[in-house]
Amino acid sequence: MSLPAADVPSDEMRLIVRAKSGDAAALEELGAFCRKLAYVLALQLTGNREDAADLAQDTMLRFFRSLRRFDPRRPVRPWLYRIVRNLARDRLRRARVRRASSLEELTEARGNDLPAAGPGPEATASRWQLQSVVWRAVQELPVHYREVLVLRDYHGLAYAEIARILRLPRGTVMSRLHRGRLMVRQAVHASMQTGLAGEEAADA
């Protein structure tokens, strides 16, 4: 007899079991939780709200069609993220994705809100600017680097989970993450240097 996976919260297991049994309230709760996760990851991978909304909708259709076969002893996110990733790859392959162009979309893709209180207006504006630069750099990554970086750095998945989602060796996941982070750092540095040069020229 196999034991429940140690990394699956008991409340998550209970929710899935209830949903699999047809509990309407559990189905609604599970759907809301997973739809948000699917949308955020789709937005991070595609960089566009409309595409992300479409992908999240398609993801949930596949998710609920296969829910009956899902083992509640396993974590939901890797399974859900694999669906999102495969659909996003198909969309990108068809070259129908439109790049995110606004700071609002890029910030939303990260899934984190800036704190309401804390630094003053100048510091907050600087943080928004840096966030925008970072996310534009992430969006410019080749997709095989972007998906690893997003899953690790913004969704906190373990290397083993990412390897299962992407069907890659763990070593490949680690090397792509290292390379992706390096490319982002280089792009951010270049962008900030360009910005500083522009400010110096304007002051001259």
N, C-alpha and C. Protein backbone atom coordinates (compact mmCIF):
# COMPACT_ATOMS: atom_id res chain seq x y z
N MET A 1 0.85 -1.20 0.00
CA MET A 1 0.00 0.00 0.00
C MET A 1 0.88 1.24 0.00
N SER A 2 0.67 2.16 -0.97
CA SER A 2 1.49 3.36 -1.04
C SER A 2 0.96 4.43 -0.11
N LEU A 3 1.88 5.22 0.44
CA LEU A 3 1.50 6.28 1.36
C LEU A 3 1.25 7.57 0.61
N PRO A 4 0.42 8.48 1.16
CA PRO A 4 0.20 9.77 0.52
C PRO A 4 1.51 10.53 0.37
N ALA A 5 1.60 11.31 -0.70
CA ALA A 5 2.81 12.11 -0.92
C ALA A 5 2.98 13.08 0.23
N ALA A 6 4.22 13.16 0.76
CA ALA A 6 4.46 13.98 1.94
C ALA A 6 4.31 15.47 1.67
N ASP A 7 4.47 15.88 0.40
CA ASP A 7 4.44 17.31 0.10
C ASP A 7 3.07 17.79 -0.35
N VAL A 8 2.05 16.96 -0.23
CA VAL A 8 0.70 17.37 -0.59
C VAL A 8 -0.07 17.71 0.68
N PRO A 9 -0.47 18.97 0.88
CA PRO A 9 -1.22 19.34 2.09
C PRO A 9 -2.50 18.52 2.21
N SER A 10 -2.86 18.15 3.45
CA SER A 10 -4.04 17.31 3.68
C SER A 10 -5.32 18.01 3.21
N ASP A 11 -5.39 19.35 3.38
CA ASP A 11 -6.59 20.06 2.95
C ASP A 11 -6.73 20.03 1.43
N GLU A 12 -5.59 20.06 0.72
CA GLU A 12 -5.63 19.96 -0.74
C GLU A 12 -6.12 18.57 -1.17
N MET A 13 -5.64 17.54 -0.48
CA MET A 13 -6.08 16.18 -0.78
C MET A 13 -7.59 16.03 -0.57
N ARG A 14 -8.05 16.57 0.56
CA ARG A 14 -9.48 16.46 0.86
C ARG A 14 -10.31 17.20 -0.19
N LEU A 15 -9.84 18.35 -0.62
CA LEU A 15 -10.56 19.13 -1.63
C LEU A 15 -10.66 18.34 -2.94
N ILE A 16 -9.57 17.73 -3.34
CA ILE A 16 -9.58 16.96 -4.59
C ILE A 16 -10.48 15.75 -4.48
N VAL A 17 -10.41 15.05 -3.35
CA VAL A 17 -11.27 13.88 -3.15
C VAL A 17 -12.73 14.28 -3.23
N ARG A 18 -13.09 15.39 -2.58
CA ARG A 18 -14.47 15.87 -2.61
C ARG A 18 -14.88 16.25 -4.03
N ALA A 19 -13.98 16.93 -4.73
CA ALA A 19 -14.28 17.34 -6.11
C ALA A 19 -14.46 16.12 -7.01
N LYS A 20 -13.62 15.11 -6.84
CA LYS A 20 -13.72 13.90 -7.65
C LYS A 20 -15.03 13.16 -7.39
N SER A 21 -15.57 13.34 -6.18
CA SER A 21 -16.83 12.67 -5.84
C SER A 21 -18.05 13.43 -6.34
N GLY A 22 -17.83 14.63 -6.91
CA GLY A 22 -18.93 15.41 -7.46
C GLY A 22 -19.44 16.50 -6.56
N ASP A 23 -18.75 16.80 -5.46
CA ASP A 23 -19.16 17.86 -4.54
C ASP A 23 -19.07 19.20 -5.28
N ALA A 24 -20.21 19.86 -5.46
CA ALA A 24 -20.27 21.09 -6.25
C ALA A 24 -19.43 22.20 -5.63
N ALA A 25 -19.50 22.36 -4.32
CA ALA A 25 -18.74 23.41 -3.64
C ALA A 25 -17.24 23.17 -3.80
N ALA A 26 -16.81 21.92 -3.68
CA ALA A 26 -15.40 21.59 -3.82
C ALA A 26 -14.94 21.81 -5.26
N LEU A 27 -15.77 21.47 -6.21
CA LEU A 27 -15.44 21.70 -7.61
C LEU A 27 -15.25 23.19 -7.90
N GLU A 28 -16.13 24.01 -7.32
CA GLU A 28 -16.04 25.45 -7.54
C GLU A 28 -14.78 26.02 -6.90
N GLU A 29 -14.47 25.57 -5.68
CA GLU A 29 -13.28 26.06 -4.98
C GLU A 29 -12.00 25.62 -5.70
N LEU A 30 -11.96 24.36 -6.10
CA LEU A 30 -10.79 23.86 -6.81
C LEU A 30 -10.63 24.56 -8.15
N GLY A 31 -11.74 24.80 -8.83
CA GLY A 31 -11.68 25.49 -10.12
C GLY A 31 -11.17 26.91 -9.99
N ALA A 32 -11.62 27.64 -8.98
CA ALA A 32 -11.18 29.02 -8.78
C ALA A 32 -9.70 29.07 -8.47
N PHE A 33 -9.25 28.16 -7.61
CA PHE A 33 -7.84 28.10 -7.24
C PHE A 33 -6.96 27.79 -8.45
N CYS A 34 -7.34 26.78 -9.20
CA CYS A 34 -6.52 26.34 -10.33
C CYS A 34 -6.59 27.31 -11.51
N ARG A 35 -7.74 27.95 -11.70
CA ARG A 35 -7.88 28.90 -12.80
C ARG A 35 -6.94 30.09 -12.61
N LYS A 36 -6.81 30.56 -11.37
CA LYS A 36 -5.89 31.67 -11.10
C LYS A 36 -4.45 31.26 -11.37
N LEU A 37 -4.06 30.08 -10.89
CA LEU A 37 -2.70 29.59 -11.13
C LEU A 37 -2.43 29.44 -12.62
N ALA A 38 -3.41 28.90 -13.34
CA ALA A 38 -3.24 28.68 -14.78
C ALA A 38 -3.10 30.00 -15.52
N TYR A 39 -3.91 30.98 -15.13
CA TYR A 39 -3.86 32.29 -15.80
C TYR A 39 -2.52 32.97 -15.58
N VAL A 40 -2.04 32.97 -14.33
CA VAL A 40 -0.78 33.65 -14.01
C VAL A 40 0.38 33.01 -14.78
N LEU A 41 0.45 31.68 -14.78
CA LEU A 41 1.53 31.03 -15.50
C LEU A 41 1.41 31.28 -17.01
N ALA A 42 0.21 31.20 -17.54
CA ALA A 42 0.01 31.46 -18.98
C ALA A 42 0.42 32.88 -19.34
N LEU A 43 0.10 33.84 -18.48
CA LEU A 43 0.49 35.22 -18.73
C LEU A 43 2.01 35.37 -18.68
N GLN A 44 2.64 34.68 -17.75
CA GLN A 44 4.09 34.74 -17.65
C GLN A 44 4.76 34.12 -18.87
N LEU A 45 4.18 33.08 -19.42
CA LEU A 45 4.78 32.39 -20.56
C LEU A 45 4.49 33.09 -21.89
N THR A 46 3.33 33.72 -22.00
CA THR A 46 2.96 34.34 -23.28
C THR A 46 3.12 35.85 -23.28
N GLY A 47 2.99 36.48 -22.11
CA GLY A 47 3.12 37.93 -22.03
C GLY A 47 1.93 38.69 -22.55
N ASN A 48 0.77 38.05 -22.65
CA ASN A 48 -0.41 38.74 -23.18
C ASN A 48 -1.67 38.28 -22.46
N ARG A 49 -2.49 39.24 -22.03
CA ARG A 49 -3.68 38.91 -21.24
C ARG A 49 -4.69 38.05 -22.00
N GLU A 50 -4.96 38.43 -23.24
CA GLU A 50 -5.98 37.70 -24.00
C GLU A 50 -5.56 36.26 -24.24
N ASP A 51 -4.30 36.07 -24.62
CA ASP A 51 -3.80 34.72 -24.82
C ASP A 51 -3.83 33.93 -23.50
N ALA A 52 -3.46 34.59 -22.40
CA ALA A 52 -3.45 33.93 -21.11
C ALA A 52 -4.86 33.50 -20.70
N ALA A 53 -5.84 34.36 -20.94
CA ALA A 53 -7.22 34.03 -20.61
C ALA A 53 -7.70 32.84 -21.42
N ASP A 54 -7.37 32.82 -22.71
CA ASP A 54 -7.75 31.69 -23.56
C ASP A 54 -7.09 30.40 -23.09
N LEU A 55 -5.80 30.50 -22.78
CA LEU A 55 -5.07 29.32 -22.33
C LEU A 55 -5.59 28.81 -20.99
N ALA A 56 -5.93 29.73 -20.09
CA ALA A 56 -6.46 29.33 -18.79
C ALA A 56 -7.80 28.61 -18.97
N GLN A 57 -8.63 29.11 -19.87
CA GLN A 57 -9.91 28.46 -20.15
C GLN A 57 -9.71 27.06 -20.71
N ASP A 58 -8.81 26.93 -21.68
CA ASP A 58 -8.53 25.62 -22.27
C ASP A 58 -7.93 24.67 -21.24
N THR A 59 -7.08 25.24 -20.38
CA THR A 59 -6.46 24.42 -19.33
C THR A 59 -7.51 23.84 -18.40
N MET A 60 -8.47 24.67 -18.00
CA MET A 60 -9.48 24.19 -17.07
C MET A 60 -10.39 23.13 -17.70
N LEU A 61 -10.65 23.26 -18.98
CA LEU A 61 -11.43 22.23 -19.66
C LEU A 61 -10.72 20.89 -19.62
N ARG A 62 -9.43 20.90 -19.91
CA ARG A 62 -8.65 19.66 -19.86
C ARG A 62 -8.50 19.16 -18.43
N PHE A 63 -8.33 20.10 -17.52
CA PHE A 63 -8.15 19.76 -16.11
C PHE A 63 -9.36 18.98 -15.59
N PHE A 64 -10.54 19.50 -15.82
CA PHE A 64 -11.73 18.84 -15.28
C PHE A 64 -12.09 17.56 -16.05
N ARG A 65 -11.70 17.52 -17.35
CA ARG A 65 -11.95 16.28 -18.09
C ARG A 65 -11.12 15.12 -17.55
N SER A 66 -9.93 15.44 -17.03
CA SER A 66 -9.05 14.38 -16.54
C SER A 66 -9.02 14.26 -15.02
N LEU A 67 -9.86 15.05 -14.32
CA LEU A 67 -9.84 15.06 -12.86
C LEU A 67 -10.15 13.68 -12.28
N ARG A 68 -11.05 12.96 -12.89
CA ARG A 68 -11.44 11.66 -12.34
C ARG A 68 -10.25 10.70 -12.27
N ARG A 69 -9.29 10.86 -13.18
CA ARG A 69 -8.14 9.96 -13.22
C ARG A 69 -6.99 10.44 -12.33
N PHE A 70 -7.12 11.63 -11.77
CA PHE A 70 -6.02 12.19 -11.00
C PHE A 70 -5.91 11.56 -9.62
N ASP A 71 -4.68 11.26 -9.21
CA ASP A 71 -4.40 10.69 -7.89
C ASP A 71 -4.29 11.83 -6.88
N PRO A 72 -5.20 11.93 -5.92
CA PRO A 72 -5.18 13.04 -4.96
C PRO A 72 -3.97 13.03 -4.04
N ARG A 73 -3.20 11.95 -4.06
CA ARG A 73 -1.98 11.90 -3.24
C ARG A 73 -0.83 12.65 -3.90
N ARG A 74 -1.05 13.10 -5.11
CA ARG A 74 -0.02 13.86 -5.82
C ARG A 74 -0.36 15.36 -5.78
N PRO A 75 0.65 16.24 -5.83
CA PRO A 75 0.37 17.68 -5.82
C PRO A 75 -0.31 18.11 -7.12
N VAL A 76 -1.20 19.09 -7.01
CA VAL A 76 -1.97 19.56 -8.16
C VAL A 76 -1.15 20.42 -9.11
N ARG A 77 -0.32 21.28 -8.55
CA ARG A 77 0.34 22.30 -9.39
C ARG A 77 1.18 21.72 -10.53
N PRO A 78 2.05 20.72 -10.28
CA PRO A 78 2.83 20.20 -11.41
C PRO A 78 1.95 19.67 -12.54
N TRP A 79 0.87 19.01 -12.18
CA TRP A 79 -0.07 18.49 -13.19
C TRP A 79 -0.72 19.63 -13.96
N LEU A 80 -1.19 20.63 -13.22
CA LEU A 80 -1.85 21.77 -13.85
C LEU A 80 -0.87 22.54 -14.73
N TYR A 81 0.32 22.77 -14.21
CA TYR A 81 1.32 23.54 -14.95
C TYR A 81 1.77 22.83 -16.22
N ARG A 82 1.78 21.51 -16.19
CA ARG A 82 2.15 20.79 -17.41
C ARG A 82 1.12 21.04 -18.52
N ILE A 83 -0.15 21.09 -18.14
CA ILE A 83 -1.20 21.38 -19.13
C ILE A 83 -1.00 22.78 -19.69
N VAL A 84 -0.78 23.76 -18.80
CA VAL A 84 -0.58 25.15 -19.24
C VAL A 84 0.62 25.24 -20.16
N ARG A 85 1.71 24.64 -19.76
CA ARG A 85 2.94 24.72 -20.54
C ARG A 85 2.76 24.13 -21.93
N ASN A 86 2.11 22.98 -22.02
CA ASN A 86 1.92 22.35 -23.32
C ASN A 86 1.03 23.20 -24.23
N LEU A 87 -0.02 23.77 -23.66
CA LEU A 87 -0.90 24.62 -24.45
C LEU A 87 -0.19 25.91 -24.87
N ALA A 88 0.61 26.47 -23.96
CA ALA A 88 1.36 27.68 -24.28
C ALA A 88 2.38 27.42 -25.38
N ARG A 89 3.03 26.27 -25.32
CA ARG A 89 3.99 25.90 -26.36
C ARG A 89 3.31 25.81 -27.72
N ASP A 90 2.12 25.22 -27.74
CA ASP A 90 1.37 25.11 -29.00
C ASP A 90 1.04 26.50 -29.54
N ARG A 91 0.61 27.40 -28.64
CA ARG A 91 0.26 28.75 -29.05
C ARG A 91 1.48 29.50 -29.59
N LEU A 92 2.60 29.37 -28.89
CA LEU A 92 3.82 30.03 -29.33
C LEU A 92 4.31 29.48 -30.66
N ARG A 93 4.13 28.18 -30.83
CA ARG A 93 4.57 27.54 -32.06
C ARG A 93 3.79 28.08 -33.26
N ARG A 94 2.54 28.43 -33.03
CA ARG A 94 1.71 28.95 -34.12
C ARG A 94 1.92 30.44 -34.33
N ALA A 95 2.82 31.02 -33.51
CA ALA A 95 3.18 32.44 -33.65
C ALA A 95 1.96 33.35 -33.58
N ARG A 96 1.04 33.05 -32.67
CA ARG A 96 -0.15 33.89 -32.52
C ARG A 96 -0.11 34.69 -31.23
N VAL A 97 1.05 34.70 -30.57
CA VAL A 97 1.15 35.41 -29.29
C VAL A 97 1.55 36.86 -29.51
N ARG A 98 0.91 37.74 -28.78
CA ARG A 98 1.26 39.16 -28.80
C ARG A 98 2.00 39.48 -27.51
N ARG A 99 3.11 40.17 -27.62
CA ARG A 99 3.92 40.50 -26.46
C ARG A 99 3.21 41.50 -25.54
N ALA A 100 3.43 41.32 -24.23
CA ALA A 100 2.92 42.30 -23.27
C ALA A 100 3.65 43.61 -23.48
N SER A 101 2.92 44.72 -23.45
CA SER A 101 3.57 46.00 -23.70
C SER A 101 3.42 46.96 -22.54
N SER A 102 2.63 46.63 -21.54
CA SER A 102 2.42 47.57 -20.44
C SER A 102 3.02 47.04 -19.15
N LEU A 103 3.43 47.97 -18.30
CA LEU A 103 3.96 47.61 -16.98
C LEU A 103 2.91 46.89 -16.17
N GLU A 104 1.64 47.28 -16.32
CA GLU A 104 0.56 46.65 -15.57
C GLU A 104 0.50 45.15 -15.87
N GLU A 105 0.59 44.77 -17.14
CA GLU A 105 0.54 43.36 -17.50
C GLU A 105 1.77 42.63 -16.98
N LEU A 106 2.93 43.24 -17.08
CA LEU A 106 4.15 42.59 -16.62
C LEU A 106 4.13 42.38 -15.12
N THR A 107 3.61 43.36 -14.38
CA THR A 107 3.51 43.22 -12.92
C THR A 107 2.51 42.15 -12.56
N GLU A 108 1.38 42.11 -13.27
CA GLU A 108 0.38 41.10 -12.99
C GLU A 108 0.93 39.71 -13.25
N ALA A 109 1.77 39.58 -14.27
CA ALA A 109 2.34 38.28 -14.60
C ALA A 109 3.16 37.73 -13.46
N ARG A 110 3.77 38.61 -12.70
CA ARG A 110 4.57 38.14 -11.58
C ARG A 110 3.70 37.59 -10.47
N GLY A 111 2.45 38.04 -10.41
CA GLY A 111 1.54 37.53 -9.40
C GLY A 111 1.72 38.15 -8.03
N ASN A 112 2.47 39.26 -7.96
CA ASN A 112 2.70 39.92 -6.68
C ASN A 112 2.33 41.39 -6.78
N ASP A 113 1.69 41.90 -5.74
CA ASP A 113 1.35 43.31 -5.69
C ASP A 113 2.44 44.08 -4.95
N LEU A 114 2.68 45.28 -5.38
CA LEU A 114 3.59 46.13 -4.63
C LEU A 114 2.95 46.51 -3.31
N PRO A 115 3.73 46.66 -2.23
CA PRO A 115 3.16 47.01 -0.93
C PRO A 115 2.54 48.40 -0.96
N ALA A 116 1.44 48.56 -0.23
CA ALA A 116 0.73 49.83 -0.20
C ALA A 116 1.51 50.86 0.61
N ALA A 117 2.23 50.40 1.64
CA ALA A 117 2.98 51.32 2.48
C ALA A 117 4.45 50.97 2.40
N GLY A 118 5.32 51.92 2.71
CA GLY A 118 6.75 51.64 2.70
C GLY A 118 7.51 52.78 2.08
N PRO A 119 8.30 52.52 1.02
CA PRO A 119 9.12 53.58 0.42
C PRO A 119 8.27 54.71 -0.13
N GLY A 120 8.90 55.86 -0.25
CA GLY A 120 8.21 57.02 -0.79
C GLY A 120 7.98 56.90 -2.28
N PRO A 121 7.35 57.90 -2.89
CA PRO A 121 6.99 57.85 -4.32
C PRO A 121 8.17 57.60 -5.24
N GLU A 122 9.32 58.22 -4.97
CA GLU A 122 10.47 58.04 -5.86
C GLU A 122 10.99 56.61 -5.81
N ALA A 123 11.09 56.07 -4.59
CA ALA A 123 11.56 54.69 -4.44
C ALA A 123 10.58 53.71 -5.08
N THR A 124 9.28 53.98 -4.90
CA THR A 124 8.26 53.11 -5.48
C THR A 124 8.33 53.15 -7.01
N ALA A 125 8.50 54.36 -7.57
CA ALA A 125 8.61 54.48 -9.03
C ALA A 125 9.83 53.74 -9.54
N SER A 126 10.94 53.83 -8.78
CA SER A 126 12.16 53.14 -9.18
C SER A 126 11.96 51.64 -9.16
N ARG A 127 11.22 51.15 -8.17
CA ARG A 127 10.95 49.72 -8.08
C ARG A 127 10.08 49.26 -9.24
N TRP A 128 9.09 50.04 -9.57
CA TRP A 128 8.23 49.72 -10.71
C TRP A 128 9.06 49.66 -11.99
N GLN A 129 9.97 50.60 -12.14
CA GLN A 129 10.80 50.64 -13.34
C GLN A 129 11.67 49.39 -13.42
N LEU A 130 12.29 49.02 -12.30
CA LEU A 130 13.14 47.84 -12.29
C LEU A 130 12.33 46.58 -12.58
N GLN A 131 11.12 46.52 -11.99
CA GLN A 131 10.25 45.37 -12.21
C GLN A 131 9.91 45.24 -13.70
N SER A 132 9.65 46.38 -14.31
CA SER A 132 9.32 46.39 -15.73
C SER A 132 10.50 45.90 -16.56
N VAL A 133 11.70 46.38 -16.24
CA VAL A 133 12.90 45.98 -16.98
C VAL A 133 13.14 44.48 -16.83
N VAL A 134 13.01 43.98 -15.60
CA VAL A 134 13.23 42.55 -15.36
C VAL A 134 12.24 41.71 -16.15
N TRP A 135 10.95 42.12 -16.11
CA TRP A 135 9.96 41.31 -16.79
C TRP A 135 10.06 41.38 -18.30
N ARG A 136 10.49 42.50 -18.80
CA ARG A 136 10.72 42.57 -20.24
C ARG A 136 11.87 41.65 -20.63
N ALA A 137 12.89 41.58 -19.77
CA ALA A 137 14.01 40.68 -20.03
C ALA A 137 13.55 39.23 -19.99
N VAL A 138 12.69 38.89 -19.03
CA VAL A 138 12.16 37.53 -18.94
C VAL A 138 11.35 37.19 -20.19
N GLN A 139 10.53 38.14 -20.65
CA GLN A 139 9.70 37.91 -21.83
C GLN A 139 10.54 37.71 -23.09
N GLU A 140 11.74 38.27 -23.12
CA GLU A 140 12.59 38.14 -24.30
C GLU A 140 13.42 36.86 -24.29
N LEU A 141 13.39 36.13 -23.19
CA LEU A 141 14.12 34.86 -23.15
C LEU A 141 13.54 33.86 -24.15
N PRO A 142 14.36 33.01 -24.74
CA PRO A 142 13.82 31.88 -25.50
C PRO A 142 12.91 31.07 -24.58
N VAL A 143 11.85 30.51 -25.12
CA VAL A 143 10.82 29.89 -24.29
C VAL A 143 11.36 28.78 -23.41
N HIS A 144 12.36 28.02 -23.86
CA HIS A 144 12.85 26.91 -23.05
C HIS A 144 13.61 27.40 -21.82
N TYR A 145 14.14 28.62 -21.88
CA TYR A 145 14.73 29.21 -20.67
C TYR A 145 13.65 29.88 -19.83
N ARG A 146 12.72 30.56 -20.48
CA ARG A 146 11.70 31.32 -19.76
C ARG A 146 10.83 30.41 -18.89
N GLU A 147 10.40 29.27 -19.43
CA GLU A 147 9.49 28.42 -18.66
C GLU A 147 10.18 27.84 -17.43
N VAL A 148 11.47 27.50 -17.52
CA VAL A 148 12.19 26.98 -16.36
C VAL A 148 12.35 28.07 -15.31
N LEU A 149 12.74 29.27 -15.74
CA LEU A 149 12.95 30.37 -14.81
C LEU A 149 11.65 30.75 -14.10
N VAL A 150 10.58 30.82 -14.83
CA VAL A 150 9.29 31.20 -14.24
C VAL A 150 8.84 30.16 -13.22
N LEU A 151 8.93 28.88 -13.57
CA LEU A 151 8.48 27.83 -12.67
C LEU A 151 9.31 27.77 -11.40
N ARG A 152 10.60 28.05 -11.52
CA ARG A 152 11.48 27.99 -10.35
C ARG A 152 11.42 29.27 -9.52
N ASP A 153 11.62 30.42 -10.16
CA ASP A 153 11.80 31.67 -9.41
C ASP A 153 10.50 32.36 -9.04
N TYR A 154 9.41 32.09 -9.76
CA TYR A 154 8.16 32.78 -9.47
C TYR A 154 7.06 31.86 -8.95
N HIS A 155 7.25 30.55 -9.15
CA HIS A 155 6.27 29.60 -8.59
C HIS A 155 6.89 28.68 -7.54
N GLY A 156 8.20 28.77 -7.36
CA GLY A 156 8.86 28.07 -6.27
C GLY A 156 8.89 26.56 -6.39
N LEU A 157 8.79 26.03 -7.60
CA LEU A 157 8.79 24.58 -7.75
C LEU A 157 10.21 24.02 -7.59
N ALA A 158 10.29 22.80 -7.10
CA ALA A 158 11.57 22.13 -6.95
C ALA A 158 12.08 21.68 -8.32
N TYR A 159 13.37 21.46 -8.41
CA TYR A 159 13.95 21.01 -9.67
C TYR A 159 13.27 19.74 -10.17
N ALA A 160 13.01 18.81 -9.25
CA ALA A 160 12.40 17.53 -9.63
C ALA A 160 11.00 17.74 -10.21
N GLU A 161 10.24 18.68 -9.62
CA GLU A 161 8.90 18.97 -10.14
C GLU A 161 8.96 19.59 -11.53
N ILE A 162 9.89 20.52 -11.71
CA ILE A 162 10.05 21.16 -13.03
C ILE A 162 10.46 20.11 -14.06
N ALA A 163 11.36 19.23 -13.66
CA ALA A 163 11.81 18.18 -14.58
C ALA A 163 10.64 17.30 -15.02
N ARG A 164 9.72 17.01 -14.08
CA ARG A 164 8.55 16.19 -14.44
C ARG A 164 7.61 16.95 -15.36
N ILE A 165 7.39 18.22 -15.07
CA ILE A 165 6.48 19.02 -15.89
C ILE A 165 7.00 19.14 -17.32
N LEU A 166 8.29 19.42 -17.45
CA LEU A 166 8.87 19.67 -18.76
C LEU A 166 9.42 18.40 -19.41
N ARG A 167 9.40 17.30 -18.66
CA ARG A 167 9.93 16.02 -19.16
C ARG A 167 11.39 16.17 -19.59
N LEU A 168 12.18 16.72 -18.65
CA LEU A 168 13.60 16.95 -18.89
C LEU A 168 14.42 16.33 -17.77
N PRO A 169 15.67 16.00 -18.04
CA PRO A 169 16.55 15.59 -16.94
C PRO A 169 16.75 16.74 -15.96
N ARG A 170 16.95 16.42 -14.69
CA ARG A 170 17.13 17.44 -13.67
C ARG A 170 18.32 18.34 -14.01
N GLY A 171 19.39 17.75 -14.52
CA GLY A 171 20.56 18.54 -14.88
C GLY A 171 20.27 19.56 -15.96
N THR A 172 19.42 19.20 -16.90
CA THR A 172 19.05 20.14 -17.97
C THR A 172 18.25 21.30 -17.39
N VAL A 173 17.35 21.00 -16.46
CA VAL A 173 16.58 22.06 -15.79
C VAL A 173 17.53 23.04 -15.10
N MET A 174 18.51 22.51 -14.37
CA MET A 174 19.43 23.37 -13.63
C MET A 174 20.29 24.22 -14.58
N SER A 175 20.75 23.62 -15.67
CA SER A 175 21.59 24.38 -16.60
C SER A 175 20.78 25.46 -17.31
N ARG A 176 19.52 25.15 -17.68
CA ARG A 176 18.69 26.15 -18.34
C ARG A 176 18.34 27.29 -17.38
N LEU A 177 18.11 26.95 -16.12
CA LEU A 177 17.81 27.99 -15.13
C LEU A 177 19.02 28.91 -14.96
N HIS A 178 20.19 28.32 -14.84
CA HIS A 178 21.41 29.12 -14.70
C HIS A 178 21.59 30.05 -15.89
N ARG A 179 21.42 29.50 -17.09
CA ARG A 179 21.59 30.29 -18.30
C ARG A 179 20.52 31.38 -18.41
N GLY A 180 19.28 31.04 -18.07
CA GLY A 180 18.19 32.01 -18.13
C GLY A 180 18.41 33.17 -17.17
N ARG A 181 18.83 32.85 -15.94
CA ARG A 181 19.10 33.91 -14.96
C ARG A 181 20.22 34.82 -15.44
N LEU A 182 21.26 34.21 -16.01
CA LEU A 182 22.38 35.00 -16.51
C LEU A 182 21.93 35.93 -17.62
N MET A 183 21.11 35.44 -18.54
CA MET A 183 20.63 36.26 -19.65
C MET A 183 19.77 37.42 -19.14
N VAL A 184 18.96 37.16 -18.13
CA VAL A 184 18.13 38.23 -17.56
C VAL A 184 19.01 39.28 -16.90
N ARG A 185 19.99 38.84 -16.11
CA ARG A 185 20.89 39.80 -15.46
C ARG A 185 21.62 40.67 -16.48
N GLN A 186 22.10 40.04 -17.55
CA GLN A 186 22.81 40.80 -18.59
C GLN A 186 21.88 41.80 -19.27
N ALA A 187 20.64 41.36 -19.56
CA ALA A 187 19.69 42.26 -20.22
C ALA A 187 19.30 43.43 -19.32
N VAL A 188 19.10 43.16 -18.03
CA VAL A 188 18.75 44.21 -17.09
C VAL A 188 19.90 45.20 -16.95
N HIS A 189 21.12 44.67 -16.83
CA HIS A 189 22.29 45.55 -16.72
C HIS A 189 22.42 46.44 -17.94
N ALA A 190 22.27 45.85 -19.13
CA ALA A 190 22.39 46.63 -20.37
C ALA A 190 21.31 47.70 -20.44
N SER A 191 20.08 47.34 -20.04
CA SER A 191 18.98 48.29 -20.08
C SER A 191 19.21 49.45 -19.12
N MET A 192 19.67 49.13 -17.91
CA MET A 192 19.91 50.19 -16.93
C MET A 192 21.06 51.09 -17.35
N GLN A 193 22.10 50.50 -17.96
CA GLN A 193 23.21 51.31 -18.44
C GLN A 193 22.76 52.25 -19.55
N THR A 194 21.90 51.74 -20.44
CA THR A 194 21.35 52.59 -21.51
C THR A 194 20.54 53.73 -20.93
N GLY A 195 19.76 53.42 -19.90
CA GLY A 195 18.95 54.45 -19.26
C GLY A 195 19.80 55.52 -18.61
N LEU A 196 20.88 55.09 -17.93
CA LEU A 196 21.77 56.06 -17.29
C LEU A 196 22.46 56.94 -18.32
N ALA A 197 22.86 56.31 -19.44
CA ALA A 197 23.51 57.09 -20.50
C ALA A 197 22.55 58.12 -21.07
N GLY A 198 21.28 57.75 -21.20
CA GLY A 198 20.29 58.68 -21.72
C GLY A 198 20.06 59.85 -20.78
N GLU A 199 20.06 59.56 -19.47
CA GLU A 199 19.86 60.63 -18.48
C GLU A 199 21.06 61.60 -18.49
N GLU A 200 22.27 61.03 -18.61
CA GLU A 200 23.46 61.88 -18.63
C GLU A 200 23.47 62.78 -19.88
N ALA A 201 23.03 62.22 -21.01
CA ALA A 201 22.98 63.01 -22.23
C ALA A 201 21.95 64.12 -22.12
N ALA A 202 20.83 63.84 -21.45
CA ALA A 202 19.78 64.84 -21.29
C ALA A 202 20.23 65.97 -20.37
N ASP A 203 21.08 65.62 -19.39
CA ASP A 203 21.55 66.64 -18.44
C ASP A 203 22.69 67.47 -19.00
N ALA A 204 23.34 66.97 -20.07
CA ALA A 204 24.51 67.66 -20.63
C ALA A 204 24.11 68.96 -21.33
